Amino acid sequence: MVLAVSRAPYRDRMERRVHNREHLERRALYRAHMERRVHNWEHLERRAHKWERLGSPR
């Protein structure tokens, strides 16, 4: 059991590193998601302007 006690801090450190990486991945995914939403919105706005210029049949 002495070995388990001596390894505990190392295991905690590794778990914290894994957890930190998961957190960063989640943040990256969220940022990509928000950027896609913004990009999509800009695309829709451009289409709206185009229809305003052409005189929308809709």
PDB file of N, CA and C in Angstrom:
ATOM      1  N   MET A   1       0.830  -1.219   0.000  1.00  0.00           N
ATOM      2  CA  MET A   1       0.000   0.000   0.000  1.00  0.00           C
ATOM      3  C   MET A   1       0.858   1.260   0.000  1.00  0.00           C
ATOM      4  N   VAL A   2       2.100   1.118   0.439  1.00  0.00           N
ATOM      5  CA  VAL A   2       2.981   2.291   0.446  1.00  0.00           C
ATOM      6  C   VAL A   2       3.132   2.834  -0.970  1.00  0.00           C
ATOM      7  N   LEU A   3       3.210   1.925  -1.935  1.00  0.00           N
ATOM      8  CA  LEU A   3       3.393   2.324  -3.323  1.00  0.00           C
ATOM      9  C   LEU A   3       2.190   3.138  -3.794  1.00  0.00           C
ATOM     10  N   ALA A   4       0.981   2.698  -3.426  1.00  0.00           N
ATOM     11  CA  ALA A   4      -0.231   3.399  -3.836  1.00  0.00           C
ATOM     12  C   ALA A   4      -0.240   4.815  -3.260  1.00  0.00           C
ATOM     13  N   VAL A   5       0.190   4.941  -2.000  1.00  0.00           N
ATOM     14  CA  VAL A   5       0.201   6.260  -1.360  1.00  0.00           C
ATOM     15  C   VAL A   5       1.196   7.174  -2.065  1.00  0.00           C
ATOM     16  N   SER A   6       2.356   6.637  -2.439  1.00  0.00           N
ATOM     17  CA  SER A   6       3.380   7.470  -3.066  1.00  0.00           C
ATOM     18  C   SER A   6       2.977   7.877  -4.484  1.00  0.00           C
ATOM     19  N   ARG A   7       2.142   7.045  -5.121  1.00  0.00           N
ATOM     20  CA  ARG A   7       1.743   7.348  -6.500  1.00  0.00           C
ATOM     21  C   ARG A   7       0.522   8.269  -6.573  1.00  0.00           C
ATOM     22  N   ALA A   8      -0.172   8.454  -5.454  1.00  0.00           N
ATOM     23  CA  ALA A   8      -1.424   9.202  -5.473  1.00  0.00           C
ATOM     24  C   ALA A   8      -1.256  10.622  -6.046  1.00  0.00           C
ATOM     25  N   PRO A   9      -0.264  11.385  -5.584  1.00  0.00           N
ATOM     26  CA  PRO A   9      -0.129  12.754  -6.131  1.00  0.00           C
ATOM     27  C   PRO A   9       0.083  12.748  -7.645  1.00  0.00           C
ATOM     28  N   TYR A  10       0.868  11.792  -8.130  1.00  0.00           N
ATOM     29  CA  TYR A  10       1.123  11.689  -9.563  1.00  0.00           C
ATOM     30  C   TYR A  10      -0.183  11.421 -10.312  1.00  0.00           C
ATOM     31  N   ARG A  11      -0.992  10.477  -9.774  1.00  0.00           N
ATOM     32  CA  ARG A  11      -2.266  10.153 -10.419  1.00  0.00           C
ATOM     33  C   ARG A  11      -3.190  11.378 -10.435  1.00  0.00           C
ATOM     34  N   ASP A  12      -3.227  12.093  -9.311  1.00  0.00           N
ATOM     35  CA  ASP A  12      -4.067  13.299  -9.251  1.00  0.00           C
ATOM     36  C   ASP A  12      -3.625  14.312 -10.300  1.00  0.00           C
ATOM     37  N   ARG A  13      -2.297  14.451 -10.449  1.00  0.00           N
ATOM     38  CA  ARG A  13      -1.781  15.399 -11.433  1.00  0.00           C
ATOM     39  C   ARG A  13      -2.203  15.001 -12.835  1.00  0.00           C
ATOM     40  N   MET A  14      -2.091  13.697 -13.126  1.00  0.00           N
ATOM     41  CA  MET A  14      -2.460  13.218 -14.457  1.00  0.00           C
ATOM     42  C   MET A  14      -3.958  13.425 -14.706  1.00  0.00           C
ATOM     43  N   GLU A  15      -4.773  13.128 -13.693  1.00  0.00           N
ATOM     44  CA  GLU A  15      -6.216  13.316 -13.853  1.00  0.00           C
ATOM     45  C   GLU A  15      -6.540  14.784 -14.085  1.00  0.00           C
ATOM     46  N   ARG A  16      -5.821  15.659 -13.368  1.00  0.00           N
ATOM     47  CA  ARG A  16      -6.063  17.095 -13.548  1.00  0.00           C
ATOM     48  C   ARG A  16      -5.685  17.511 -14.968  1.00  0.00           C
ATOM     49  N   ARG A  17      -4.571  16.952 -15.485  1.00  0.00           N
ATOM     50  CA  ARG A  17      -4.163  17.282 -16.860  1.00  0.00           C
ATOM     51  C   ARG A  17      -5.207  16.820 -17.872  1.00  0.00           C
ATOM     52  N   VAL A  18      -5.728  15.600 -17.662  1.00  0.00           N
ATOM     53  CA  VAL A  18      -6.752  15.083 -18.572  1.00  0.00           C
ATOM     54  C   VAL A  18      -7.992  15.966 -18.497  1.00  0.00           C
ATOM     55  N   HIS A  19      -8.387  16.311 -17.277  1.00  0.00           N
ATOM     56  CA  HIS A  19      -9.569  17.151 -17.085  1.00  0.00           C
ATOM     57  C   HIS A  19      -9.380  18.507 -17.743  1.00  0.00           C
ATOM     58  N   ASN A  20      -8.177  19.072 -17.601  1.00  0.00           N
ATOM     59  CA  ASN A  20      -7.893  20.375 -18.192  1.00  0.00           C
ATOM     60  C   ASN A  20      -7.991  20.309 -19.710  1.00  0.00           C
ATOM     61  N   ARG A  21      -7.448  19.206 -20.287  1.00  0.00           N
ATOM     62  CA  ARG A  21      -7.514  19.064 -21.743  1.00  0.00           C
ATOM     63  C   ARG A  21      -8.965  18.949 -22.206  1.00  0.00           C
ATOM     64  N   GLU A  22      -9.785  18.195 -21.448  1.00  0.00           N
ATOM     65  CA  GLU A  22     -11.194  18.068 -21.802  1.00  0.00           C
ATOM     66  C   GLU A  22     -11.877  19.432 -21.753  1.00  0.00           C
ATOM     67  N   HIS A  23     -11.531  20.223 -20.730  1.00  0.00           N
ATOM     68  CA  HIS A  23     -12.123  21.561 -20.608  1.00  0.00           C
ATOM     69  C   HIS A  23     -11.760  22.425 -21.806  1.00  0.00           C
ATOM     70  N   LEU A  24     -10.480  22.392 -22.206  1.00  0.00           N
ATOM     71  CA  LEU A  24     -10.042  23.197 -23.345  1.00  0.00           C
ATOM     72  C   LEU A  24     -10.725  22.732 -24.629  1.00  0.00           C
ATOM     73  N   GLU A  25     -10.889  21.398 -24.783  1.00  0.00           N
ATOM     74  CA  GLU A  25     -11.572  20.886 -25.972  1.00  0.00           C
ATOM     75  C   GLU A  25     -13.010  21.365 -26.010  1.00  0.00           C
ATOM     76  N   ARG A  26     -13.677  21.334 -24.841  1.00  0.00           N
ATOM     77  CA  ARG A  26     -15.059  21.801 -24.782  1.00  0.00           C
ATOM     78  C   ARG A  26     -15.146  23.273 -25.156  1.00  0.00           C
ATOM     79  N   ARG A  27     -14.188  24.087 -24.641  1.00  0.00           N
ATOM     80  CA  ARG A  27     -14.189  25.515 -24.966  1.00  0.00           C
ATOM     81  C   ARG A  27     -13.979  25.728 -26.455  1.00  0.00           C
ATOM     82  N   ALA A  28     -13.072  24.952 -27.055  1.00  0.00           N
ATOM     83  CA  ALA A  28     -12.797  25.086 -28.491  1.00  0.00           C
ATOM     84  C   ALA A  28     -14.036  24.724 -29.302  1.00  0.00           C
ATOM     85  N   LEU A  29     -14.714  23.650 -28.888  1.00  0.00           N
ATOM     86  CA  LEU A  29     -15.935  23.241 -29.587  1.00  0.00           C
ATOM     87  C   LEU A  29     -16.986  24.336 -29.491  1.00  0.00           C
ATOM     88  N   TYR A  30     -17.132  24.904 -28.298  1.00  0.00           N
ATOM     89  CA  TYR A  30     -18.135  25.957 -28.089  1.00  0.00           C
ATOM     90  C   TYR A  30     -17.819  27.171 -28.949  1.00  0.00           C
ATOM     91  N   ARG A  31     -16.516  27.546 -29.000  1.00  0.00           N
ATOM     92  CA  ARG A  31     -16.135  28.707 -29.811  1.00  0.00           C
ATOM     93  C   ARG A  31     -16.430  28.462 -31.282  1.00  0.00           C
ATOM     94  N   ALA A  32     -16.097  27.257 -31.763  1.00  0.00           N
ATOM     95  CA  ALA A  32     -16.362  26.926 -33.159  1.00  0.00           C
ATOM     96  C   ALA A  32     -17.860  26.995 -33.435  1.00  0.00           C
ATOM     97  N   HIS A  33     -18.640  26.497 -32.477  1.00  0.00           N
ATOM     98  CA  HIS A  33     -20.100  26.518 -32.614  1.00  0.00           C
ATOM     99  C   HIS A  33     -20.617  27.950 -32.712  1.00  0.00           C
ATOM    100  N   MET A  34     -20.120  28.838 -31.849  1.00  0.00           N
ATOM    101  CA  MET A  34     -20.584  30.228 -31.873  1.00  0.00           C
ATOM    102  C   MET A  34     -20.140  30.917 -33.159  1.00  0.00           C
ATOM    103  N   GLU A  35     -18.908  30.667 -33.591  1.00  0.00           N
ATOM    104  CA  GLU A  35     -18.427  31.291 -34.823  1.00  0.00           C
ATOM    105  C   GLU A  35     -19.254  30.839 -36.012  1.00  0.00           C
ATOM    106  N   ARG A  36     -19.633  29.543 -36.020  1.00  0.00           N
ATOM    107  CA  ARG A  36     -20.463  29.043 -37.114  1.00  0.00           C
ATOM    108  C   ARG A  36     -21.815  29.757 -37.096  1.00  0.00           C
ATOM    109  N   ARG A  37     -22.384  29.962 -35.885  1.00  0.00           N
ATOM    110  CA  ARG A  37     -23.671  30.658 -35.793  1.00  0.00           C
ATOM    111  C   ARG A  37     -23.558  32.078 -36.328  1.00  0.00           C
ATOM    112  N   VAL A  38     -22.478  32.767 -35.944  1.00  0.00           N
ATOM    113  CA  VAL A  38     -22.275  34.143 -36.404  1.00  0.00           C
ATOM    114  C   VAL A  38     -22.109  34.170 -37.918  1.00  0.00           C
ATOM    115  N   HIS A  39     -21.291  33.246 -38.429  1.00  0.00           N
ATOM    116  CA  HIS A  39     -21.064  33.180 -39.865  1.00  0.00           C
ATOM    117  C   HIS A  39     -22.377  32.917 -40.605  1.00  0.00           C
ATOM    118  N   ASN A  40     -23.183  32.007 -40.062  1.00  0.00           N
ATOM    119  CA  ASN A  40     -24.466  31.675 -40.670  1.00  0.00           C
ATOM    120  C   ASN A  40     -25.367  32.913 -40.684  1.00  0.00           C
ATOM    121  N   TRP A  41     -25.372  33.660 -39.577  1.00  0.00           N
ATOM    122  CA  TRP A  41     -26.196  34.866 -39.476  1.00  0.00           C
ATOM    123  C   TRP A  41     -25.772  35.899 -40.522  1.00  0.00           C
ATOM    124  N   GLU A  42     -24.443  36.078 -40.666  1.00  0.00           N
ATOM    125  CA  GLU A  42     -23.948  37.032 -41.661  1.00  0.00           C
ATOM    126  C   GLU A  42     -24.376  36.615 -43.057  1.00  0.00           C
ATOM    127  N   HIS A  43     -24.320  35.331 -43.314  1.00  0.00           N
ATOM    128  CA  HIS A  43     -24.738  34.810 -44.622  1.00  0.00           C
ATOM    129  C   HIS A  43     -26.212  35.123 -44.875  1.00  0.00           C
ATOM    130  N   LEU A  44     -27.054  34.900 -43.861  1.00  0.00           N
ATOM    131  CA  LEU A  44     -28.489  35.179 -44.017  1.00  0.00           C
ATOM    132  C   LEU A  44     -28.738  36.676 -44.225  1.00  0.00           C
ATOM    133  N   GLU A  45     -27.975  37.504 -43.508  1.00  0.00           N
ATOM    134  CA  GLU A  45     -28.131  38.956 -43.671  1.00  0.00           C
ATOM    135  C   GLU A  45     -27.787  39.366 -45.098  1.00  0.00           C
ATOM    136  N   ARG A  46     -26.678  38.816 -45.634  1.00  0.00           N
ATOM    137  CA  ARG A  46     -26.305  39.153 -47.014  1.00  0.00           C
ATOM    138  C   ARG A  46     -27.419  38.757 -47.975  1.00  0.00           C
ATOM    139  N   ARG A  47     -27.994  37.565 -47.781  1.00  0.00           N
ATOM    140  CA  ARG A  47     -29.085  37.136 -48.654  1.00  0.00           C
ATOM    141  C   ARG A  47     -30.270  38.091 -48.548  1.00  0.00           C
ATOM    142  N   ALA A  48     -30.555  38.555 -47.307  1.00  0.00           N
ATOM    143  CA  ALA A  48     -31.669  39.487 -47.111  1.00  0.00           C
ATOM    144  C   ALA A  48     -31.410  40.779 -47.882  1.00  0.00           C
ATOM    145  N   HIS A  49     -30.161  41.301 -47.812  1.00  0.00           N
ATOM    146  CA  HIS A  49     -29.841  42.528 -48.539  1.00  0.00           C
ATOM    147  C   HIS A  49     -30.010  42.329 -50.037  1.00  0.00           C
ATOM    148  N   LYS A  50     -29.583  41.153 -50.511  1.00  0.00           N
ATOM    149  CA  LYS A  50     -29.710  40.876 -51.941  1.00  0.00           C
ATOM    150  C   LYS A  50     -31.178  40.952 -52.352  1.00  0.00           C
ATOM    151  N   TRP A  51     -32.063  40.324 -51.553  1.00  0.00           N
ATOM    152  CA  TRP A  51     -33.482  40.325 -51.895  1.00  0.00           C
ATOM    153  C   TRP A  51     -34.067  41.729 -51.810  1.00  0.00           C
ATOM    154  N   GLU A  52     -33.556  42.543 -50.868  1.00  0.00           N
ATOM    155  CA  GLU A  52     -34.034  43.933 -50.791  1.00  0.00           C
ATOM    156  C   GLU A  52     -33.685  44.690 -52.068  1.00  0.00           C
ATOM    157  N   ARG A  53     -32.470  44.481 -52.581  1.00  0.00           N
ATOM    158  CA  ARG A  53     -32.062  45.160 -53.812  1.00  0.00           C
ATOM    159  C   ARG A  53     -32.898  44.695 -55.002  1.00  0.00           C
ATOM    160  N   LEU A  54     -33.141  43.391 -55.090  1.00  0.00           N
ATOM    161  CA  LEU A  54     -33.836  42.853 -56.257  1.00  0.00           C
ATOM    162  C   LEU A  54     -35.337  43.125 -56.221  1.00  0.00           C
ATOM    163  N   GLY A  55     -35.847  43.473 -55.053  1.00  0.00           N
ATOM    164  CA  GLY A  55     -37.296  43.605 -54.918  1.00  0.00           C
ATOM    165  C   GLY A  55     -37.872  42.230 -54.691  1.00  0.00           C
ATOM    166  N   SER A  56     -38.007  41.851 -53.441  1.00  0.00           N
ATOM    167  CA  SER A  56     -38.318  40.467 -53.080  1.00  0.00           C
ATOM    168  C   SER A  56     -39.652  39.989 -53.635  1.00  0.00           C
ATOM    169  N   PRO A  57     -39.645  38.857 -54.361  1.00  0.00           N
ATOM    170  CA  PRO A  57     -40.906  38.266 -54.807  1.00  0.00           C
ATOM    171  C   PRO A  57     -41.622  37.552 -53.654  1.00  0.00           C
ATOM    172  N   ARG A  58     -40.856  37.273 -52.554  1.00  0.00           N
ATOM    173  CA  ARG A  58     -41.456  36.570 -51.411  1.00  0.00           C
ATOM    174  C   ARG A  58     -42.183  37.572 -50.529  1.00  0.00           C
TER     175      ARG A  58
END
